[in-house]
Amino acid sequence: MYLKLIFLVLFASCSFNSETENKKSKPKIETLSSEQLELLDSDGDLINDKVEIENGLDRFIANYPKLKVNFLQDYSIEAFFHDGSKYFIDTKVGRDNPAFKYSVGDLLARDLVRNKAASAGRFSNVSWANFKNNDYTMIKYPRIDQSFFHNSVHNFKKYKVQELEQVNIQVDNSIKLTENKLYTSIENLEIGFYYYSYSKEKLVEVHSETLKRTFLVGSRENFTINISKIPKELLLDNYLRKGEFLISKIKDFEIPELKIKYTQLMKSIKAKAMPVYTMTPFGTTLNYVSIASKGNRFTDILSKVFS
């Protein structure tokens, strides 16, 4: 009983001292007037700090239209040969099989975060950072169902690769403008499609298309893209050998509330803020956090994200 009391007293005293020290170490926060806040745009999102505070937003985290884009695992591939024969893949047929594993594509950054977290997790009590310019908006196609993939490879063996003439693809996609306090819609979405060329060691664009329509906030919409005359390498090497497929990227769109394009807004944001991609059990988020002219500590950046 005495030992328990001593432990509680020590714990309480340590907590008290720690709180006292924290209070002493906290820097004084400069109070700005309403007029001063109106002239500031701390995070570069073209919305002054006063408006952000009035809307209950953090003036140090950029606000921009966030899109949730997914590949749906519904696609078809048509390969035409010189002798008139045709090789055809259609996952809609595959989904009739109860064993078919349906999934959606997600951000390439998810894999990047997992890999980095796994490598850092091997060493306890170690913090490090390596800053790189990555494109966090690219969406990879979902992992192809293994059973369906093996059947596709087996069926292709009866065709002569050297007689392959043309390859066409049709893919289904999904997009949603996430709920927010500032933006109600976007227009004229331009989306690009790529694959990684192992022979060229770089991403190669195979198609770009602008969807001349309005996407409303909170409403998920599906759309189909047809891509003709794609490089044969995508089918023969990426798909049939490695089980890889397409990568998509949002290239641009119009923002009615600001009367500018997404690329213009992001140029302004990136001049004042840095991207911070976080992955938790509750989901993944990409925030652009403003950086002071003299720089910020890594812990300061994280406190802005999780405050």
Protein backbone atom coordinates (compact mmCIF):
# COMPACT_ATOMS: atom_id res chain seq x y z
CA MET A 1 0.00 0.00 0.00
CA TYR A 2 2.82 2.41 0.93
CA LEU A 3 4.64 1.58 -2.31
CA LYS A 4 1.53 2.39 -4.29
CA LEU A 5 1.14 5.76 -2.57
CA ILE A 6 4.80 6.65 -3.17
CA PHE A 7 4.45 5.75 -6.86
CA LEU A 8 1.34 7.92 -7.22
CA VAL A 9 3.01 10.87 -5.49
CA LEU A 10 6.09 10.59 -7.71
CA PHE A 11 3.92 10.29 -10.81
CA ALA A 12 1.85 13.33 -9.82
CA SER A 13 4.93 15.43 -9.02
CA CYS A 14 6.55 14.50 -12.35
CA SER A 15 3.38 15.39 -14.22
CA PHE A 16 3.14 18.71 -12.39
CA ASN A 17 6.75 19.62 -13.13
CA SER A 18 6.36 18.62 -16.75
CA GLU A 19 3.26 20.77 -17.17
CA THR A 20 5.00 23.70 -15.49
CA GLU A 21 8.00 23.38 -17.79
CA ASN A 22 5.78 23.15 -20.84
CA LYS A 23 4.01 26.36 -19.85
CA LYS A 24 7.34 28.12 -19.44
CA SER A 25 8.69 26.83 -22.76
CA LYS A 26 5.65 27.81 -24.81
CA PRO A 27 6.40 30.80 -27.01
CA LYS A 28 4.19 33.84 -26.90
CA ILE A 29 1.59 33.83 -29.66
CA GLU A 30 1.35 37.10 -31.51
CA THR A 31 -2.22 38.41 -31.62
CA LEU A 32 -3.17 39.87 -34.97
CA SER A 33 -5.99 42.28 -35.65
CA SER A 34 -8.83 41.52 -38.04
CA GLU A 35 -7.37 43.96 -40.57
CA GLN A 36 -3.96 42.27 -40.40
CA LEU A 37 -5.45 38.80 -40.85
CA GLU A 38 -7.37 40.02 -43.89
CA LEU A 39 -4.08 40.93 -45.56
CA LEU A 40 -2.43 37.59 -44.80
CA ASP A 41 -2.52 34.31 -46.70
CA SER A 42 -0.22 32.18 -44.56
CA ASP A 43 -0.68 28.94 -46.50
CA GLY A 44 -0.90 30.29 -50.06
CA ASP A 45 -4.39 28.93 -50.78
CA LEU A 46 -5.60 32.36 -52.04
CA ILE A 47 -8.00 32.66 -49.09
CA ASN A 48 -7.05 35.28 -46.52
CA ASP A 49 -6.47 34.20 -42.94
CA LYS A 50 -9.51 36.12 -41.66
CA VAL A 51 -11.92 34.17 -43.88
CA GLU A 52 -10.30 30.86 -42.90
CA ILE A 53 -10.66 31.61 -39.17
CA GLU A 54 -14.28 32.72 -39.65
CA ASN A 55 -15.00 29.38 -41.33
CA GLY A 56 -13.35 27.41 -38.54
CA LEU A 57 -10.35 26.49 -40.67
CA ASP A 58 -6.66 26.35 -39.83
CA ARG A 59 -4.89 29.26 -41.49
CA PHE A 60 -1.62 27.30 -41.54
CA ILE A 61 -3.04 24.35 -43.53
CA ALA A 62 -3.94 25.03 -47.16
CA ASN A 63 -7.52 24.52 -48.30
CA TYR A 64 -8.05 23.20 -51.81
CA PRO A 65 -10.64 20.96 -53.53
CA LYS A 66 -9.74 17.40 -52.51
CA LEU A 67 -10.77 14.68 -54.93
CA LYS A 68 -11.12 11.03 -54.08
CA VAL A 69 -10.31 9.20 -57.29
CA ASN A 70 -10.33 5.44 -57.73
CA PHE A 71 -9.89 2.94 -60.49
CA LEU A 72 -12.70 0.42 -60.36
CA GLN A 73 -11.63 -3.09 -61.21
CA ASP A 74 -13.84 -3.12 -64.29
CA TYR A 75 -11.82 -2.97 -67.48
CA SER A 76 -11.51 -4.65 -70.83
CA ILE A 77 -8.50 -5.18 -73.09
CA GLU A 78 -8.72 -5.91 -76.80
CA ALA A 79 -5.63 -7.07 -78.71
CA PHE A 80 -5.86 -7.34 -82.50
CA PHE A 81 -3.52 -9.49 -84.63
CA HIS A 82 -2.49 -9.40 -88.30
CA ASP A 83 -4.31 -12.66 -89.05
CA GLY A 84 -7.63 -11.16 -87.93
CA SER A 85 -7.75 -12.92 -84.55
CA LYS A 86 -8.56 -11.03 -81.35
CA TYR A 87 -7.51 -11.54 -77.73
CA PHE A 88 -10.10 -10.20 -75.27
CA ILE A 89 -10.06 -9.67 -71.49
CA ASP A 90 -13.13 -8.46 -69.60
CA THR A 91 -13.16 -8.35 -65.77
CA LYS A 92 -16.94 -7.86 -65.76
CA VAL A 93 -17.13 -11.46 -66.90
CA GLY A 94 -14.58 -12.46 -64.27
CA ARG A 95 -16.67 -10.91 -61.49
CA ASP A 96 -19.41 -13.46 -62.13
CA ASN A 97 -17.06 -15.92 -60.42
CA PRO A 98 -17.68 -15.80 -56.61
CA ALA A 99 -13.92 -16.24 -56.04
CA PHE A 100 -13.07 -13.05 -57.97
CA LYS A 101 -11.47 -10.52 -55.62
CA TYR A 102 -12.92 -7.09 -56.31
CA SER A 103 -10.89 -4.04 -55.26
CA VAL A 104 -10.30 -0.41 -56.12
CA GLY A 105 -7.08 1.42 -56.90
CA ASP A 106 -5.57 3.80 -54.40
CA LEU A 107 -2.83 6.38 -54.04
CA LEU A 108 0.69 5.26 -54.89
CA ALA A 109 1.74 7.17 -51.78
CA ARG A 110 0.10 4.52 -49.58
CA ASP A 111 2.75 2.00 -50.64
CA LEU A 112 5.47 4.62 -50.16
CA VAL A 113 4.28 5.33 -46.60
CA ARG A 114 4.07 1.63 -45.73
CA ASN A 115 7.59 0.97 -47.00
CA LYS A 116 9.09 3.95 -45.19
CA ALA A 117 7.25 3.15 -41.96
CA ALA A 118 8.43 -0.45 -42.10
CA SER A 119 12.05 0.56 -42.58
CA ALA A 120 11.92 3.14 -39.77
CA GLY A 121 10.08 0.77 -37.46
CA ARG A 122 13.06 -1.57 -37.32
CA PHE A 123 14.91 0.90 -35.13
CA SER A 124 13.42 2.12 -31.86
CA ASN A 125 13.84 5.68 -30.57
CA VAL A 126 15.06 6.93 -33.95
CA SER A 127 13.64 9.85 -35.90
CA TRP A 128 14.86 10.86 -39.32
CA ALA A 129 13.57 12.61 -42.39
CA ASN A 130 14.38 12.60 -46.08
CA PHE A 131 12.58 15.27 -48.07
CA LYS A 132 11.74 14.46 -51.70
CA ASN A 133 9.42 15.90 -54.31
CA ASN A 134 6.92 13.10 -54.90
CA ASP A 135 3.65 13.23 -56.82
CA TYR A 136 1.08 12.27 -54.19
CA THR A 137 -1.90 12.50 -56.56
CA MET A 138 -1.17 9.48 -58.73
CA ILE A 139 -3.57 6.55 -58.46
CA LYS A 140 -2.37 3.04 -59.24
CA TYR A 141 -4.60 0.36 -60.68
CA PRO A 142 -5.60 -2.29 -58.14
CA ARG A 143 -3.72 -5.55 -57.91
CA ILE A 144 -5.14 -7.92 -60.51
CA ASP A 145 -7.03 -10.92 -59.12
CA GLN A 146 -4.48 -13.75 -59.21
CA SER A 147 -6.79 -16.46 -60.53
CA PHE A 148 -8.10 -14.19 -63.27
CA PHE A 149 -4.55 -13.05 -64.08
CA HIS A 150 -3.19 -16.58 -64.51
CA ASN A 151 -6.11 -17.53 -66.77
CA SER A 152 -5.45 -14.43 -68.90
CA VAL A 153 -1.77 -15.33 -69.28
CA HIS A 154 -2.62 -18.92 -70.15
CA ASN A 155 -5.17 -17.89 -72.80
CA PHE A 156 -2.70 -15.50 -74.44
CA LYS A 157 -0.13 -18.24 -75.10
CA LYS A 158 -1.95 -19.46 -78.22
CA TYR A 159 -1.40 -16.10 -79.96
CA LYS A 160 1.74 -15.08 -81.82
CA VAL A 161 3.29 -12.05 -80.14
CA GLN A 162 5.10 -10.94 -83.30
CA GLU A 163 1.74 -10.57 -85.09
CA LEU A 164 0.25 -8.25 -82.46
CA GLU A 165 -1.05 -5.17 -84.29
CA GLN A 166 -3.05 -2.98 -81.92
CA VAL A 167 -4.21 -2.87 -78.28
CA ASN A 168 -7.24 -0.97 -76.95
CA ILE A 169 -8.32 -0.54 -73.32
CA GLN A 170 -11.55 0.51 -71.63
CA VAL A 171 -11.41 1.38 -67.91
CA ASP A 172 -14.01 2.46 -65.35
CA ASN A 173 -13.17 5.16 -62.81
CA SER A 174 -14.78 6.84 -59.83
CA ILE A 175 -14.41 10.39 -58.52
CA LYS A 176 -15.78 12.33 -55.57
CA LEU A 177 -15.23 15.92 -54.41
CA THR A 178 -14.93 15.46 -50.64
CA GLU A 179 -17.07 17.50 -48.26
CA ASN A 180 -15.57 20.85 -47.28
CA LYS A 181 -16.56 24.37 -46.19
CA LEU A 182 -15.39 26.30 -49.24
CA TYR A 183 -15.89 24.46 -52.53
CA THR A 184 -19.19 23.17 -53.91
CA SER A 185 -18.08 21.87 -57.29
CA ILE A 186 -15.33 21.50 -59.88
CA GLU A 187 -15.55 21.59 -63.66
CA ASN A 188 -13.79 20.26 -66.76
CA LEU A 189 -11.67 17.61 -65.08
CA GLU A 190 -8.54 16.66 -67.05
CA ILE A 191 -7.16 13.23 -66.22
CA GLY A 192 -4.05 11.49 -67.57
CA PHE A 193 -3.21 7.79 -67.81
CA TYR A 194 0.31 6.36 -67.59
CA TYR A 195 2.27 3.16 -67.22
CA TYR A 196 5.79 2.53 -66.04
CA SER A 197 8.05 1.54 -68.93
CA TYR A 198 10.80 -0.76 -67.67
CA SER A 199 12.68 -0.44 -70.95
CA LYS A 200 12.72 3.38 -70.75
CA GLU A 201 12.80 3.47 -66.92
CA LYS A 202 10.17 6.18 -66.67
CA LEU A 203 6.43 6.84 -66.67
CA VAL A 204 4.92 7.05 -70.13
CA GLU A 205 1.63 8.85 -70.79
CA VAL A 206 -0.76 6.83 -72.94
CA HIS A 207 -3.87 9.01 -72.82
CA SER A 208 -5.24 12.33 -71.60
CA GLU A 209 -8.88 13.32 -71.55
CA THR A 210 -10.97 16.25 -70.32
CA LEU A 211 -14.42 15.47 -68.90
CA LYS A 212 -16.54 18.49 -69.79
CA ARG A 213 -18.97 18.25 -66.91
CA THR A 214 -19.56 19.48 -63.36
CA PHE A 215 -18.74 17.34 -60.34
CA LEU A 216 -20.69 18.31 -57.20
CA VAL A 217 -19.39 18.04 -53.65
CA GLY A 218 -20.22 14.80 -51.83
CA SER A 219 -21.49 13.05 -54.95
CA ARG A 220 -19.53 10.05 -56.23
CA GLU A 221 -19.65 9.68 -59.99
CA ASN A 222 -18.40 6.89 -62.23
CA PHE A 223 -17.11 7.38 -65.75
CA THR A 224 -15.59 5.21 -68.48
CA ILE A 225 -12.46 6.02 -70.48
CA ASN A 226 -11.57 4.42 -73.81
CA ILE A 227 -7.88 4.31 -74.74
CA SER A 228 -6.89 3.13 -78.21
CA LYS A 229 -3.55 2.16 -79.73
CA ILE A 230 -1.66 1.83 -76.46
CA PRO A 231 2.01 0.71 -76.52
CA LYS A 232 2.32 -3.07 -76.86
CA GLU A 233 4.78 -3.06 -73.95
CA LEU A 234 1.94 -2.26 -71.54
CA LEU A 235 0.14 -5.50 -72.42
CA LEU A 236 3.10 -7.81 -73.03
CA ASP A 237 5.44 -6.73 -70.24
CA ASN A 238 3.52 -4.85 -67.55
CA TYR A 239 0.25 -6.74 -67.62
CA LEU A 240 1.03 -10.30 -68.76
CA ARG A 241 4.47 -10.60 -67.09
CA LYS A 242 4.34 -8.42 -63.99
CA GLY A 243 0.61 -8.18 -63.29
CA GLU A 244 0.75 -4.36 -63.42
CA PHE A 245 -1.58 -2.03 -65.23
CA LEU A 246 -2.34 1.69 -65.46
CA ILE A 247 -1.62 4.71 -63.28
CA SER A 248 -3.87 7.78 -63.39
CA LYS A 249 -3.28 11.37 -62.40
CA ILE A 250 -5.52 14.42 -62.03
CA LYS A 251 -3.87 16.96 -64.31
CA ASP A 252 -6.17 19.94 -63.91
CA PHE A 253 -9.71 21.22 -63.36
CA GLU A 254 -11.54 24.51 -62.94
CA ILE A 255 -12.55 25.88 -59.51
CA PRO A 256 -15.69 28.07 -59.91
CA GLU A 257 -15.40 29.70 -56.45
CA LEU A 258 -11.90 31.02 -57.15
CA LYS A 259 -12.33 31.36 -60.94
CA ILE A 260 -8.95 29.78 -61.53
CA LYS A 261 -7.56 26.36 -62.37
CA TYR A 262 -6.29 23.75 -59.92
CA THR A 263 -2.71 24.02 -61.23
CA GLN A 264 -2.68 27.76 -60.55
CA LEU A 265 -3.92 27.26 -57.00
CA MET A 266 -1.38 24.51 -56.27
CA LYS A 267 1.45 26.68 -57.58
CA SER A 268 0.52 29.32 -55.01
CA ILE A 269 0.17 26.76 -52.21
CA LYS A 270 3.49 25.02 -52.92
CA ALA A 271 5.29 28.37 -52.75
CA LYS A 272 4.35 28.68 -49.06
CA ALA A 273 3.61 25.15 -47.85
CA MET A 274 5.02 21.64 -47.96
CA PRO A 275 3.02 18.41 -48.49
CA VAL A 276 2.56 16.12 -45.49
CA TYR A 277 1.02 12.74 -46.28
CA THR A 278 -0.32 10.82 -43.28
CA MET A 279 -1.76 7.33 -43.06
CA THR A 280 -3.69 6.17 -39.98
CA PRO A 281 -6.16 3.35 -39.29
CA PHE A 282 -8.90 5.88 -40.04
CA GLY A 283 -7.68 6.69 -43.53
CA THR A 284 -5.12 8.68 -45.49
CA THR A 285 -4.82 12.45 -45.81
CA LEU A 286 -2.66 14.86 -47.76
CA ASN A 287 -2.18 18.30 -46.22
CA TYR A 288 -0.06 21.24 -47.30
CA VAL A 289 1.37 22.88 -44.18
CA SER A 290 2.71 26.44 -44.24
CA ILE A 291 6.38 26.85 -43.41
CA ALA A 292 7.81 29.90 -41.66
CA SER A 293 10.42 31.96 -43.52
CA LYS A 294 13.05 30.82 -41.01
CA GLY A 295 11.94 27.19 -41.28
CA ASN A 296 10.13 24.85 -38.90
CA ARG A 297 11.05 21.87 -36.80
CA PHE A 298 9.57 18.53 -37.83
CA THR A 299 7.59 18.41 -34.58
CA ASP A 300 6.13 21.85 -35.31
CA ILE A 301 4.86 20.63 -38.68
CA LEU A 302 3.26 17.56 -37.12
CA SER A 303 1.61 19.63 -34.40
CA LYS A 304 -0.05 21.76 -37.10
CA VAL A 305 -1.38 18.65 -38.85
CA PHE A 306 -2.73 16.95 -35.72
CA SER A 307 -3.83 20.00 -33.74
